[in-house]
Amino acid sequence: MIAALAIMVCCLPLHAQDQSSEAYLEFNDRNNRVHGVYLGINAGFGRLEGEEAYLGSLKFAYVANKRFEVGLTATFLFSEQKVIDNNPAVNDDLIGVYGGLHLEPIFFGSSRVNLSFPITIGGGTFGFIENYYSENESKTHRRPDDFDEVFIVEPGASLLFNISRYLQLETVVRYRLSSNCDLRGATLKNLNGFTVGLGMKIGVFNLGRNRYKQNI
């Protein structure tokens, strides 16, 4: 009887050690979280008050587990817009820069092709360059305050193509919503409009891959 009790006491630490080892192995083989950072370049074409608009964007963002992006973006816009004069309406060069916070939830992040819904929340400045307006039958330069600041929200939908660990290509459709702008003589009242674009993201999208997975 005493001998049996002694054997049981000796086996208990070994059994506990086995359980501890199994728990450790299960923890070490968990699903890995991956991270990424990238610089994005995008070229776009759209319509603004019925006229053609051309856009170029830069974006820097952090990617969390191939599911969500957060970063900063900036966009340059150019369009010829109508300006009311004493003469019939003519076209003048409108330029603008806007940007802000970039947020982008990603679906099917582990697939070759991903679906995402980016949104930009921020603001910008728009105005005409080297233009004139008529006043009392004389022409004078536009004043510096003919540029106006606006608040902008720009949601969209995008298809992402994973080319490699370091490169993604994207096609995107966006709709820009802005607060009202007040530019002397201009027919446009806001900067609302659709944009379609193509772009690339250059960076590292799966930092930490297989970091916790080890062969036993």
N, C-alpha and C. Protein backbone atom coordinates (compact mmCIF):
# COMPACT_ATOMS: atom_id res chain seq x y z
N MET A 1 0.83 -1.21 0.00
CA MET A 1 0.00 0.00 0.00
C MET A 1 0.86 1.26 0.00
N ILE A 2 1.86 1.27 0.85
CA ILE A 2 2.77 2.41 0.94
C ILE A 2 3.51 2.60 -0.38
N ALA A 3 3.92 1.45 -0.97
CA ALA A 3 4.64 1.53 -2.24
C ALA A 3 3.76 2.12 -3.34
N ALA A 4 2.47 1.77 -3.37
CA ALA A 4 1.57 2.30 -4.39
C ALA A 4 1.38 3.80 -4.24
N LEU A 5 1.26 4.26 -2.98
CA LEU A 5 1.12 5.69 -2.75
C LEU A 5 2.36 6.46 -3.19
N ALA A 6 3.51 5.87 -2.96
CA ALA A 6 4.76 6.53 -3.35
C ALA A 6 4.85 6.67 -4.86
N ILE A 7 4.42 5.64 -5.60
CA ILE A 7 4.44 5.71 -7.06
C ILE A 7 3.50 6.79 -7.57
N MET A 8 2.30 6.90 -6.97
CA MET A 8 1.34 7.92 -7.39
C MET A 8 1.89 9.32 -7.15
N VAL A 9 2.53 9.54 -6.00
CA VAL A 9 3.09 10.86 -5.68
C VAL A 9 4.17 11.23 -6.68
N CYS A 10 4.97 10.26 -7.10
CA CYS A 10 6.04 10.53 -8.06
C CYS A 10 5.50 10.84 -9.46
N CYS A 11 4.36 10.25 -9.82
CA CYS A 11 3.81 10.43 -11.16
C CYS A 11 3.08 11.75 -11.31
N LEU A 12 2.56 12.32 -10.23
CA LEU A 12 1.80 13.56 -10.32
C LEU A 12 2.60 14.72 -10.91
N PRO A 13 3.83 14.97 -10.47
CA PRO A 13 4.59 16.07 -11.08
C PRO A 13 4.83 15.85 -12.57
N LEU A 14 5.06 14.56 -12.98
CA LEU A 14 5.29 14.29 -14.40
C LEU A 14 4.05 14.58 -15.22
N HIS A 15 2.86 14.21 -14.68
CA HIS A 15 1.60 14.47 -15.38
C HIS A 15 1.35 15.97 -15.51
N ALA A 16 1.62 16.72 -14.44
CA ALA A 16 1.44 18.17 -14.47
C ALA A 16 2.39 18.81 -15.46
N GLN A 17 3.63 18.27 -15.55
CA GLN A 17 4.61 18.82 -16.49
C GLN A 17 4.16 18.59 -17.93
N ASP A 18 3.58 17.38 -18.21
CA ASP A 18 3.08 17.11 -19.55
C ASP A 18 1.97 18.08 -19.93
N GLN A 19 1.04 18.32 -18.97
CA GLN A 19 -0.05 19.25 -19.26
C GLN A 19 0.47 20.66 -19.52
N SER A 20 1.50 21.05 -18.72
CA SER A 20 2.07 22.38 -18.91
C SER A 20 2.74 22.49 -20.28
N SER A 21 3.41 21.41 -20.71
CA SER A 21 4.08 21.43 -22.00
C SER A 21 3.06 21.52 -23.13
N GLU A 22 1.95 20.76 -23.00
CA GLU A 22 0.93 20.80 -24.04
C GLU A 22 0.32 22.20 -24.14
N ALA A 23 0.08 22.84 -23.00
CA ALA A 23 -0.48 24.19 -23.02
C ALA A 23 0.48 25.16 -23.69
N TYR A 24 1.76 25.02 -23.43
CA TYR A 24 2.75 25.90 -24.03
C TYR A 24 2.80 25.72 -25.53
N LEU A 25 2.75 24.48 -25.99
CA LEU A 25 2.79 24.22 -27.42
C LEU A 25 1.56 24.78 -28.11
N GLU A 26 0.40 24.70 -27.49
CA GLU A 26 -0.82 25.22 -28.08
C GLU A 26 -0.74 26.74 -28.21
N PHE A 27 -0.16 27.40 -27.22
CA PHE A 27 0.01 28.84 -27.25
C PHE A 27 0.98 29.25 -28.36
N ASN A 28 2.05 28.49 -28.51
CA ASN A 28 3.09 28.83 -29.46
C ASN A 28 2.65 28.60 -30.91
N ASP A 29 1.58 27.86 -31.12
CA ASP A 29 1.12 27.55 -32.47
C ASP A 29 -0.14 28.36 -32.83
N ARG A 30 -0.34 29.45 -32.13
CA ARG A 30 -1.54 30.26 -32.36
C ARG A 30 -1.48 30.94 -33.72
N ASN A 31 -2.65 31.42 -34.20
CA ASN A 31 -2.69 32.17 -35.45
C ASN A 31 -1.91 33.47 -35.30
N ASN A 32 -1.06 33.75 -36.26
CA ASN A 32 -0.18 34.90 -36.16
C ASN A 32 -0.87 36.18 -36.64
N ARG A 33 -0.56 37.30 -35.99
CA ARG A 33 -1.02 38.60 -36.41
C ARG A 33 0.05 39.23 -37.28
N VAL A 34 -0.36 39.81 -38.40
CA VAL A 34 0.59 40.45 -39.30
C VAL A 34 0.28 41.94 -39.40
N HIS A 35 1.29 42.71 -39.72
CA HIS A 35 1.17 44.15 -39.82
C HIS A 35 1.84 44.62 -41.10
N GLY A 36 1.56 45.85 -41.49
CA GLY A 36 2.17 46.38 -42.69
C GLY A 36 2.16 47.88 -42.71
N VAL A 37 3.05 48.44 -43.52
CA VAL A 37 3.09 49.88 -43.78
C VAL A 37 3.36 50.06 -45.27
N TYR A 38 2.83 51.14 -45.85
CA TYR A 38 3.03 51.35 -47.28
C TYR A 38 2.90 52.81 -47.65
N LEU A 39 3.41 53.16 -48.84
CA LEU A 39 3.21 54.44 -49.48
C LEU A 39 2.37 54.21 -50.72
N GLY A 40 1.27 54.91 -50.86
CA GLY A 40 0.36 54.72 -51.99
C GLY A 40 0.38 55.91 -52.94
N ILE A 41 0.30 55.61 -54.24
CA ILE A 41 0.24 56.61 -55.30
C ILE A 41 -0.98 56.32 -56.15
N ASN A 42 -1.79 57.35 -56.43
CA ASN A 42 -3.03 57.14 -57.16
C ASN A 42 -3.27 58.27 -58.15
N ALA A 43 -3.73 57.93 -59.36
CA ALA A 43 -4.13 58.91 -60.36
C ALA A 43 -5.60 58.72 -60.66
N GLY A 44 -6.35 59.83 -60.73
CA GLY A 44 -7.79 59.73 -60.90
C GLY A 44 -8.33 60.70 -61.93
N PHE A 45 -9.52 60.36 -62.42
CA PHE A 45 -10.24 61.21 -63.38
C PHE A 45 -11.69 61.28 -62.93
N GLY A 46 -12.30 62.48 -63.05
CA GLY A 46 -13.68 62.62 -62.63
C GLY A 46 -14.36 63.79 -63.30
N ARG A 47 -15.52 64.13 -62.75
CA ARG A 47 -16.32 65.25 -63.25
C ARG A 47 -16.60 66.20 -62.08
N LEU A 48 -16.54 67.48 -62.37
CA LEU A 48 -16.83 68.50 -61.38
C LEU A 48 -17.66 69.58 -62.06
N GLU A 49 -18.92 69.69 -61.65
CA GLU A 49 -19.85 70.65 -62.26
C GLU A 49 -19.91 70.47 -63.78
N GLY A 50 -19.89 69.21 -64.23
CA GLY A 50 -20.00 68.92 -65.64
C GLY A 50 -18.71 69.05 -66.43
N GLU A 51 -17.62 69.46 -65.79
CA GLU A 51 -16.33 69.61 -66.45
C GLU A 51 -15.37 68.50 -66.00
N GLU A 52 -14.36 68.23 -66.84
CA GLU A 52 -13.38 67.20 -66.50
C GLU A 52 -12.52 67.66 -65.32
N ALA A 53 -12.15 66.69 -64.48
CA ALA A 53 -11.28 66.96 -63.34
C ALA A 53 -10.21 65.88 -63.27
N TYR A 54 -8.98 66.30 -62.96
CA TYR A 54 -7.85 65.39 -62.89
C TYR A 54 -7.27 65.44 -61.48
N LEU A 55 -6.96 64.26 -60.93
CA LEU A 55 -6.53 64.19 -59.54
C LEU A 55 -5.30 63.30 -59.40
N GLY A 56 -4.45 63.63 -58.44
CA GLY A 56 -3.32 62.80 -58.06
C GLY A 56 -3.21 62.76 -56.55
N SER A 57 -2.95 61.57 -56.00
CA SER A 57 -2.96 61.40 -54.55
C SER A 57 -1.71 60.69 -54.04
N LEU A 58 -1.33 61.04 -52.83
CA LEU A 58 -0.30 60.34 -52.07
C LEU A 58 -0.91 59.90 -50.75
N LYS A 59 -0.51 58.72 -50.28
CA LYS A 59 -1.10 58.18 -49.06
C LYS A 59 -0.04 57.38 -48.31
N PHE A 60 0.01 57.56 -46.99
CA PHE A 60 0.88 56.76 -46.12
C PHE A 60 0.01 56.12 -45.05
N ALA A 61 0.08 54.80 -44.91
CA ALA A 61 -0.86 54.12 -44.01
C ALA A 61 -0.23 52.91 -43.34
N TYR A 62 -0.82 52.54 -42.21
CA TYR A 62 -0.50 51.33 -41.47
C TYR A 62 -1.62 50.32 -41.68
N VAL A 63 -1.27 49.05 -41.91
CA VAL A 63 -2.25 47.99 -42.17
C VAL A 63 -2.25 47.03 -40.98
N ALA A 64 -3.40 46.84 -40.35
CA ALA A 64 -3.53 45.97 -39.19
C ALA A 64 -4.11 44.63 -39.59
N ASN A 65 -3.27 43.59 -39.59
CA ASN A 65 -3.70 42.21 -39.81
C ASN A 65 -4.47 42.03 -41.12
N LYS A 66 -4.12 42.80 -42.15
CA LYS A 66 -4.76 42.72 -43.46
C LYS A 66 -6.27 42.97 -43.40
N ARG A 67 -6.71 43.68 -42.36
CA ARG A 67 -8.14 43.91 -42.18
C ARG A 67 -8.53 45.38 -42.12
N PHE A 68 -7.58 46.23 -41.75
CA PHE A 68 -7.94 47.64 -41.57
C PHE A 68 -6.71 48.52 -41.78
N GLU A 69 -6.91 49.64 -42.48
CA GLU A 69 -5.85 50.61 -42.71
C GLU A 69 -6.21 51.93 -42.02
N VAL A 70 -5.18 52.59 -41.52
CA VAL A 70 -5.34 53.94 -40.98
C VAL A 70 -4.09 54.72 -41.36
N GLY A 71 -4.30 55.96 -41.83
CA GLY A 71 -3.15 56.74 -42.26
C GLY A 71 -3.55 58.16 -42.64
N LEU A 72 -2.69 58.78 -43.44
CA LEU A 72 -2.91 60.15 -43.91
C LEU A 72 -2.83 60.18 -45.43
N THR A 73 -3.63 61.04 -46.05
CA THR A 73 -3.65 61.13 -47.50
C THR A 73 -3.75 62.59 -47.92
N ALA A 74 -3.21 62.90 -49.12
CA ALA A 74 -3.30 64.23 -49.69
C ALA A 74 -3.59 64.10 -51.18
N THR A 75 -4.46 64.96 -51.71
CA THR A 75 -4.89 64.89 -53.11
C THR A 75 -4.81 66.27 -53.75
N PHE A 76 -4.26 66.30 -54.97
CA PHE A 76 -4.24 67.53 -55.77
C PHE A 76 -5.29 67.41 -56.86
N LEU A 77 -6.07 68.48 -57.10
CA LEU A 77 -7.15 68.49 -58.08
C LEU A 77 -6.96 69.65 -59.05
N PHE A 78 -7.21 69.38 -60.33
CA PHE A 78 -7.19 70.42 -61.37
C PHE A 78 -8.42 70.26 -62.25
N SER A 79 -9.09 71.39 -62.56
CA SER A 79 -10.26 71.36 -63.43
C SER A 79 -10.48 72.74 -64.02
N GLU A 80 -10.92 72.77 -65.28
CA GLU A 80 -11.34 74.04 -65.89
C GLU A 80 -12.81 74.26 -65.58
N GLN A 81 -13.10 75.38 -64.94
CA GLN A 81 -14.46 75.65 -64.50
C GLN A 81 -14.96 76.98 -65.06
N LYS A 82 -16.27 77.10 -65.16
CA LYS A 82 -16.89 78.32 -65.69
C LYS A 82 -16.81 79.45 -64.66
N VAL A 83 -16.48 80.62 -65.16
CA VAL A 83 -16.45 81.82 -64.34
C VAL A 83 -17.34 82.87 -65.02
N ILE A 84 -18.27 83.43 -64.29
CA ILE A 84 -19.23 84.40 -64.84
C ILE A 84 -18.57 85.77 -64.95
N ASP A 85 -18.63 86.35 -66.14
CA ASP A 85 -18.11 87.69 -66.39
C ASP A 85 -19.24 88.50 -67.01
N ASN A 86 -18.97 89.73 -67.35
CA ASN A 86 -19.96 90.48 -68.12
C ASN A 86 -20.17 89.86 -69.48
N ASN A 87 -19.15 89.15 -69.96
CA ASN A 87 -19.25 88.37 -71.17
C ASN A 87 -19.85 87.02 -70.84
N PRO A 88 -20.21 86.20 -71.85
CA PRO A 88 -20.69 84.85 -71.55
C PRO A 88 -19.67 84.08 -70.72
N ALA A 89 -20.13 83.04 -70.01
CA ALA A 89 -19.27 82.28 -69.12
C ALA A 89 -18.07 81.71 -69.87
N VAL A 90 -16.92 81.79 -69.23
CA VAL A 90 -15.69 81.25 -69.80
C VAL A 90 -15.08 80.27 -68.81
N ASN A 91 -14.14 79.45 -69.30
CA ASN A 91 -13.49 78.48 -68.44
C ASN A 91 -12.18 79.03 -67.90
N ASP A 92 -11.92 78.81 -66.62
CA ASP A 92 -10.66 79.19 -65.99
C ASP A 92 -10.15 78.02 -65.16
N ASP A 93 -8.87 78.06 -64.82
CA ASP A 93 -8.20 76.93 -64.16
C ASP A 93 -8.47 76.95 -62.66
N LEU A 94 -9.13 75.90 -62.19
CA LEU A 94 -9.36 75.71 -60.76
C LEU A 94 -8.36 74.69 -60.24
N ILE A 95 -7.68 75.01 -59.16
CA ILE A 95 -6.78 74.06 -58.52
C ILE A 95 -7.18 73.93 -57.06
N GLY A 96 -6.80 72.82 -56.46
CA GLY A 96 -7.10 72.60 -55.06
C GLY A 96 -6.27 71.48 -54.48
N VAL A 97 -6.07 71.54 -53.18
CA VAL A 97 -5.38 70.48 -52.44
C VAL A 97 -6.24 70.15 -51.24
N TYR A 98 -6.50 68.87 -51.04
CA TYR A 98 -7.25 68.46 -49.86
C TYR A 98 -6.72 67.13 -49.34
N GLY A 99 -7.04 66.82 -48.12
CA GLY A 99 -6.58 65.56 -47.52
C GLY A 99 -7.00 65.48 -46.08
N GLY A 100 -6.46 64.47 -45.40
CA GLY A 100 -6.80 64.27 -44.01
C GLY A 100 -6.63 62.83 -43.59
N LEU A 101 -7.50 62.39 -42.71
CA LEU A 101 -7.43 61.04 -42.15
C LEU A 101 -7.95 60.02 -43.15
N HIS A 102 -7.18 58.96 -43.34
CA HIS A 102 -7.58 57.86 -44.23
C HIS A 102 -7.92 56.63 -43.40
N LEU A 103 -9.13 56.09 -43.61
CA LEU A 103 -9.59 54.87 -42.94
C LEU A 103 -10.06 53.90 -44.02
N GLU A 104 -9.72 52.59 -43.86
CA GLU A 104 -10.09 51.65 -44.91
C GLU A 104 -10.26 50.23 -44.35
N PRO A 105 -11.50 49.80 -44.08
CA PRO A 105 -11.73 48.40 -43.73
C PRO A 105 -11.55 47.50 -44.95
N ILE A 106 -10.93 46.32 -44.73
CA ILE A 106 -10.59 45.40 -45.82
C ILE A 106 -11.29 44.07 -45.59
N PHE A 107 -11.86 43.52 -46.67
CA PHE A 107 -12.50 42.21 -46.62
C PHE A 107 -11.74 41.24 -47.52
N PHE A 108 -11.72 39.95 -47.11
CA PHE A 108 -10.99 38.90 -47.84
C PHE A 108 -9.49 39.22 -47.90
N GLY A 109 -8.95 39.67 -46.75
CA GLY A 109 -7.57 40.11 -46.70
C GLY A 109 -6.55 39.03 -47.00
N SER A 110 -6.91 37.76 -46.82
CA SER A 110 -5.96 36.67 -47.08
C SER A 110 -6.03 36.17 -48.51
N SER A 111 -6.93 36.70 -49.31
CA SER A 111 -7.09 36.27 -50.70
C SER A 111 -6.20 37.08 -51.63
N ARG A 112 -6.08 36.62 -52.85
CA ARG A 112 -5.30 37.34 -53.85
C ARG A 112 -5.94 38.68 -54.21
N VAL A 113 -7.28 38.73 -54.20
CA VAL A 113 -8.02 39.96 -54.50
C VAL A 113 -8.83 40.34 -53.27
N ASN A 114 -8.71 41.60 -52.83
CA ASN A 114 -9.42 42.08 -51.65
C ASN A 114 -10.44 43.15 -52.05
N LEU A 115 -11.47 43.27 -51.23
CA LEU A 115 -12.46 44.33 -51.37
C LEU A 115 -12.33 45.25 -50.18
N SER A 116 -12.30 46.56 -50.42
CA SER A 116 -12.17 47.51 -49.32
C SER A 116 -13.06 48.72 -49.56
N PHE A 117 -13.27 49.47 -48.48
CA PHE A 117 -14.13 50.65 -48.54
C PHE A 117 -13.41 51.83 -47.87
N PRO A 118 -12.55 52.51 -48.63
CA PRO A 118 -11.79 53.64 -48.06
C PRO A 118 -12.66 54.86 -47.85
N ILE A 119 -12.25 55.67 -46.89
CA ILE A 119 -12.91 56.95 -46.66
C ILE A 119 -11.86 57.95 -46.20
N THR A 120 -11.95 59.17 -46.73
CA THR A 120 -11.09 60.27 -46.32
C THR A 120 -11.94 61.31 -45.62
N ILE A 121 -11.47 61.78 -44.47
CA ILE A 121 -12.16 62.82 -43.70
C ILE A 121 -11.16 63.93 -43.45
N GLY A 122 -11.45 65.13 -43.94
CA GLY A 122 -10.50 66.22 -43.77
C GLY A 122 -10.99 67.50 -44.40
N GLY A 123 -10.09 68.22 -45.05
CA GLY A 123 -10.44 69.48 -45.65
C GLY A 123 -9.41 69.89 -46.68
N GLY A 124 -9.64 71.07 -47.30
CA GLY A 124 -8.71 71.53 -48.32
C GLY A 124 -8.97 72.98 -48.70
N THR A 125 -8.18 73.45 -49.67
CA THR A 125 -8.26 74.81 -50.17
C THR A 125 -8.36 74.77 -51.69
N PHE A 126 -9.28 75.57 -52.25
CA PHE A 126 -9.51 75.60 -53.69
C PHE A 126 -9.59 77.04 -54.17
N GLY A 127 -9.14 77.28 -55.41
CA GLY A 127 -9.23 78.61 -55.99
C GLY A 127 -8.78 78.62 -57.43
N PHE A 128 -8.89 79.78 -58.06
CA PHE A 128 -8.50 79.96 -59.46
C PHE A 128 -7.10 80.56 -59.54
N ILE A 129 -6.38 80.22 -60.60
CA ILE A 129 -5.03 80.75 -60.78
C ILE A 129 -4.97 81.60 -62.04
N GLU A 130 -4.32 82.76 -61.94
CA GLU A 130 -4.08 83.67 -63.06
C GLU A 130 -5.37 83.95 -63.83
N ASN A 131 -6.40 84.33 -63.09
CA ASN A 131 -7.69 84.67 -63.70
C ASN A 131 -8.04 86.12 -63.44
N TYR A 132 -9.04 86.58 -64.18
CA TYR A 132 -9.48 87.96 -64.06
C TYR A 132 -11.01 87.98 -63.91
N TYR A 133 -11.53 89.05 -63.35
CA TYR A 133 -12.96 89.26 -63.40
C TYR A 133 -13.22 90.73 -63.76
N SER A 134 -14.38 90.98 -64.37
CA SER A 134 -14.71 92.35 -64.81
C SER A 134 -15.43 93.09 -63.71
N GLU A 135 -15.03 94.28 -63.51
CA GLU A 135 -15.69 95.11 -62.51
C GLU A 135 -15.60 96.56 -62.98
N ASN A 136 -16.76 97.17 -63.18
CA ASN A 136 -16.82 98.55 -63.71
C ASN A 136 -16.07 98.67 -65.03
N GLU A 137 -16.28 97.68 -65.88
CA GLU A 137 -15.73 97.67 -67.24
C GLU A 137 -14.20 97.71 -67.26
N SER A 138 -13.56 97.37 -66.18
CA SER A 138 -12.10 97.26 -66.17
C SER A 138 -11.73 95.90 -65.61
N LYS A 139 -10.60 95.38 -66.07
CA LYS A 139 -10.18 94.06 -65.63
C LYS A 139 -9.09 94.19 -64.57
N THR A 140 -9.20 93.40 -63.57
CA THR A 140 -8.21 93.41 -62.50
C THR A 140 -7.98 91.99 -62.03
N HIS A 141 -6.85 91.73 -61.43
CA HIS A 141 -6.53 90.39 -60.94
C HIS A 141 -7.48 89.99 -59.82
N ARG A 142 -7.72 88.69 -59.74
CA ARG A 142 -8.45 88.17 -58.59
C ARG A 142 -7.66 88.45 -57.30
N ARG A 143 -8.35 88.67 -56.24
CA ARG A 143 -7.68 88.93 -54.98
C ARG A 143 -7.23 87.63 -54.33
N PRO A 144 -6.23 87.68 -53.43
CA PRO A 144 -5.75 86.45 -52.79
C PRO A 144 -6.83 85.69 -52.04
N ASP A 145 -7.84 86.41 -51.53
CA ASP A 145 -8.88 85.72 -50.76
C ASP A 145 -9.91 85.05 -51.64
N ASP A 146 -9.64 84.96 -52.96
CA ASP A 146 -10.53 84.21 -53.84
C ASP A 146 -10.32 82.71 -53.70
N PHE A 147 -9.36 82.27 -52.88
CA PHE A 147 -9.26 80.87 -52.47
C PHE A 147 -10.15 80.66 -51.25
N ASP A 148 -10.76 79.49 -51.19
CA ASP A 148 -11.68 79.22 -50.09
C ASP A 148 -11.39 77.84 -49.50
N GLU A 149 -11.58 77.71 -48.20
CA GLU A 149 -11.37 76.45 -47.50
C GLU A 149 -12.69 75.69 -47.37
N VAL A 150 -12.61 74.36 -47.52
CA VAL A 150 -13.81 73.54 -47.44
C VAL A 150 -13.54 72.30 -46.58
N PHE A 151 -14.59 71.76 -46.03
CA PHE A 151 -14.55 70.47 -45.33
C PHE A 151 -14.95 69.39 -46.31
N ILE A 152 -14.24 68.25 -46.29
CA ILE A 152 -14.46 67.20 -47.28
C ILE A 152 -14.57 65.83 -46.61
N VAL A 153 -15.55 65.05 -47.07
CA VAL A 153 -15.66 63.62 -46.76
C VAL A 153 -15.73 62.89 -48.09
N GLU A 154 -14.87 61.87 -48.26
CA GLU A 154 -14.79 61.19 -49.55
C GLU A 154 -14.79 59.67 -49.34
N PRO A 155 -15.97 59.04 -49.37
CA PRO A 155 -16.04 57.57 -49.28
C PRO A 155 -15.82 56.94 -50.65
N GLY A 156 -15.53 55.63 -50.65
CA GLY A 156 -15.31 54.94 -51.91
C GLY A 156 -15.32 53.44 -51.75
N ALA A 157 -15.10 52.74 -52.86
CA ALA A 157 -14.99 51.28 -52.90
C ALA A 157 -13.79 50.94 -53.77
N SER A 158 -13.03 49.92 -53.36
CA SER A 158 -11.78 49.61 -54.04
C SER A 158 -11.58 48.11 -54.15
N LEU A 159 -10.96 47.68 -55.27
CA LEU A 159 -10.47 46.32 -55.44
C LEU A 159 -8.95 46.35 -55.33
N LEU A 160 -8.40 45.53 -54.45
CA LEU A 160 -6.96 45.46 -54.23
C LEU A 160 -6.43 44.14 -54.78
N PHE A 161 -5.36 44.21 -55.58
CA PHE A 161 -4.75 43.02 -56.17
C PHE A 161 -3.37 42.82 -55.54
N ASN A 162 -3.21 41.72 -54.80
CA ASN A 162 -1.95 41.45 -54.13
C ASN A 162 -0.95 40.83 -55.11
N ILE A 163 0.00 41.62 -55.57
CA ILE A 163 0.99 41.16 -56.53
C ILE A 163 2.12 40.42 -55.83
N SER A 164 2.59 40.96 -54.71
CA SER A 164 3.66 40.34 -53.94
C SER A 164 3.56 40.83 -52.51
N ARG A 165 4.52 40.41 -51.70
CA ARG A 165 4.56 40.86 -50.31
C ARG A 165 4.78 42.37 -50.22
N TYR A 166 5.32 42.98 -51.29
CA TYR A 166 5.71 44.38 -51.26
C TYR A 166 4.89 45.28 -52.18
N LEU A 167 3.96 44.73 -52.93
CA LEU A 167 3.24 45.53 -53.92
C LEU A 167 1.79 45.13 -54.02
N GLN A 168 0.92 46.14 -54.04
CA GLN A 168 -0.50 45.97 -54.33
C GLN A 168 -0.90 46.96 -55.42
N LEU A 169 -1.80 46.53 -56.30
CA LEU A 169 -2.42 47.42 -57.26
C LEU A 169 -3.88 47.60 -56.88
N GLU A 170 -4.45 48.76 -57.18
CA GLU A 170 -5.83 49.01 -56.80
C GLU A 170 -6.58 49.78 -57.88
N THR A 171 -7.87 49.50 -57.97
CA THR A 171 -8.81 50.31 -58.74
C THR A 171 -9.85 50.82 -57.75
N VAL A 172 -10.20 52.08 -57.87
CA VAL A 172 -11.05 52.68 -56.84
C VAL A 172 -12.06 53.63 -57.47
N VAL A 173 -13.25 53.66 -56.89
CA VAL A 173 -14.29 54.63 -57.23
C VAL A 173 -14.63 55.40 -55.96
N ARG A 174 -14.62 56.73 -56.05
CA ARG A 174 -14.90 57.56 -54.88
C ARG A 174 -15.97 58.60 -55.21
N TYR A 175 -16.61 59.09 -54.16
CA TYR A 175 -17.51 60.23 -54.33
C TYR A 175 -17.12 61.28 -53.30
N ARG A 176 -16.80 62.45 -53.77
CA ARG A 176 -16.32 63.55 -52.92
C ARG A 176 -17.50 64.43 -52.51
N LEU A 177 -17.62 64.67 -51.21
CA LEU A 177 -18.64 65.55 -50.66
C LEU A 177 -17.94 66.69 -49.94
N SER A 178 -18.33 67.93 -50.25
CA SER A 178 -17.68 69.07 -49.60
C SER A 178 -18.70 70.05 -49.07
N SER A 179 -18.24 70.88 -48.16
CA SER A 179 -19.06 72.00 -47.73
C SER A 179 -19.09 73.04 -48.85
N ASN A 180 -19.96 74.03 -48.73
CA ASN A 180 -20.08 75.05 -49.77
C ASN A 180 -18.80 75.88 -49.86
N CYS A 181 -18.46 76.24 -51.10
CA CYS A 181 -17.31 77.12 -51.32
C CYS A 181 -17.80 78.41 -51.96
N ASP A 182 -17.09 79.50 -51.72
CA ASP A 182 -17.49 80.82 -52.21
C ASP A 182 -16.31 81.42 -52.96
N LEU A 183 -16.29 81.25 -54.29
CA LEU A 183 -15.24 81.78 -55.13
C LEU A 183 -15.83 82.83 -56.06
N ARG A 184 -15.22 83.98 -56.11
CA ARG A 184 -15.77 85.11 -56.85
C ARG A 184 -16.02 84.76 -58.32
N GLY A 185 -17.26 84.92 -58.75
CA GLY A 185 -17.59 84.72 -60.14
C GLY A 185 -17.75 83.28 -60.60
N ALA A 186 -17.52 82.31 -59.72
CA ALA A 186 -17.58 80.91 -60.13
C ALA A 186 -19.00 80.39 -60.07
N THR A 187 -19.33 79.49 -61.00
CA THR A 187 -20.66 78.89 -60.98
C THR A 187 -20.77 77.76 -59.98
N LEU A 188 -19.66 77.10 -59.64
CA LEU A 188 -19.74 75.95 -58.74
C LEU A 188 -19.94 76.43 -57.30
N LYS A 189 -20.75 75.67 -56.57
CA LYS A 189 -21.07 75.99 -55.18
C LYS A 189 -20.41 75.02 -54.20
N ASN A 190 -19.96 73.87 -54.70
CA ASN A 190 -19.25 72.90 -53.86
C ASN A 190 -18.34 72.08 -54.76
N LEU A 191 -17.63 71.13 -54.17
CA LEU A 191 -16.67 70.31 -54.92
C LEU A 191 -17.14 68.88 -55.05
N ASN A 192 -18.44 68.63 -54.97
CA ASN A 192 -18.97 67.27 -55.03
C ASN A 192 -18.71 66.65 -56.40
N GLY A 193 -18.44 65.34 -56.43
CA GLY A 193 -18.26 64.67 -57.70
C GLY A 193 -17.64 63.30 -57.57
N PHE A 194 -17.87 62.45 -58.59
CA PHE A 194 -17.29 61.12 -58.65
C PHE A 194 -15.86 61.18 -59.19
N THR A 195 -15.05 60.20 -58.76
CA THR A 195 -13.71 60.01 -59.27
C THR A 195 -13.44 58.52 -59.43
N VAL A 196 -12.85 58.13 -60.55
CA VAL A 196 -12.35 56.76 -60.73
C VAL A 196 -10.84 56.85 -60.82
N GLY A 197 -10.15 55.84 -60.27
CA GLY A 197 -8.70 55.93 -60.24
C GLY A 197 -8.00 54.60 -60.26
N LEU A 198 -6.72 54.65 -60.58
CA LEU A 198 -5.82 53.51 -60.53
C LEU A 198 -4.63 53.88 -59.66
N GLY A 199 -4.11 52.91 -58.93
CA GLY A 199 -2.99 53.23 -58.06
C GLY A 199 -2.19 52.01 -57.67
N MET A 200 -1.11 52.26 -56.93
CA MET A 200 -0.28 51.20 -56.40
C MET A 200 0.10 51.52 -54.96
N LYS A 201 0.31 50.47 -54.19
CA LYS A 201 0.77 50.59 -52.81
C LYS A 201 2.10 49.84 -52.70
N ILE A 202 3.13 50.55 -52.28
CA ILE A 202 4.47 49.98 -52.17
C ILE A 202 4.89 49.98 -50.71
N GLY A 203 5.21 48.81 -50.18
CA GLY A 203 5.61 48.71 -48.78
C GLY A 203 5.81 47.26 -48.40
N VAL A 204 5.55 46.95 -47.12
CA VAL A 204 5.58 45.58 -46.62
C VAL A 204 4.24 45.32 -45.96
N PHE A 205 3.51 44.30 -46.43
CA PHE A 205 2.14 44.08 -45.99
C PHE A 205 1.98 42.93 -45.00
N ASN A 206 3.03 42.16 -44.73
CA ASN A 206 2.89 41.04 -43.79
C ASN A 206 4.10 40.93 -42.89
N LEU A 207 4.44 42.02 -42.23
CA LEU A 207 5.50 42.00 -41.22
C LEU A 207 5.11 41.06 -40.10
N GLY A 208 6.04 40.20 -39.67
CA GLY A 208 5.77 39.28 -38.57
C GLY A 208 5.15 37.97 -38.98
N ARG A 209 5.06 37.67 -40.28
CA ARG A 209 4.45 36.43 -40.74
C ARG A 209 5.25 35.24 -40.22
N ASN A 210 4.54 34.25 -39.65
CA ASN A 210 5.13 33.01 -39.13
C ASN A 210 6.10 33.26 -37.97
N ARG A 211 6.00 34.39 -37.35
CA ARG A 211 6.94 34.70 -36.27
C ARG A 211 6.82 33.71 -35.11
N TYR A 212 5.59 33.26 -34.80
CA TYR A 212 5.36 32.40 -33.66
C TYR A 212 5.25 30.93 -34.03
N LYS A 213 5.35 30.59 -35.29
CA LYS A 213 5.20 29.20 -35.71
C LYS A 213 6.57 28.54 -35.81
N GLN A 214 6.76 27.48 -35.09
CA GLN A 214 8.03 26.78 -35.08
C GLN A 214 7.79 25.29 -35.22
N ASN A 215 8.70 24.62 -35.92
CA ASN A 215 8.61 23.17 -36.06
C ASN A 215 9.07 22.51 -34.77
N ILE A 216 8.30 21.52 -34.32
CA ILE A 216 8.62 20.80 -33.09
C ILE A 216 9.32 19.49 -33.44
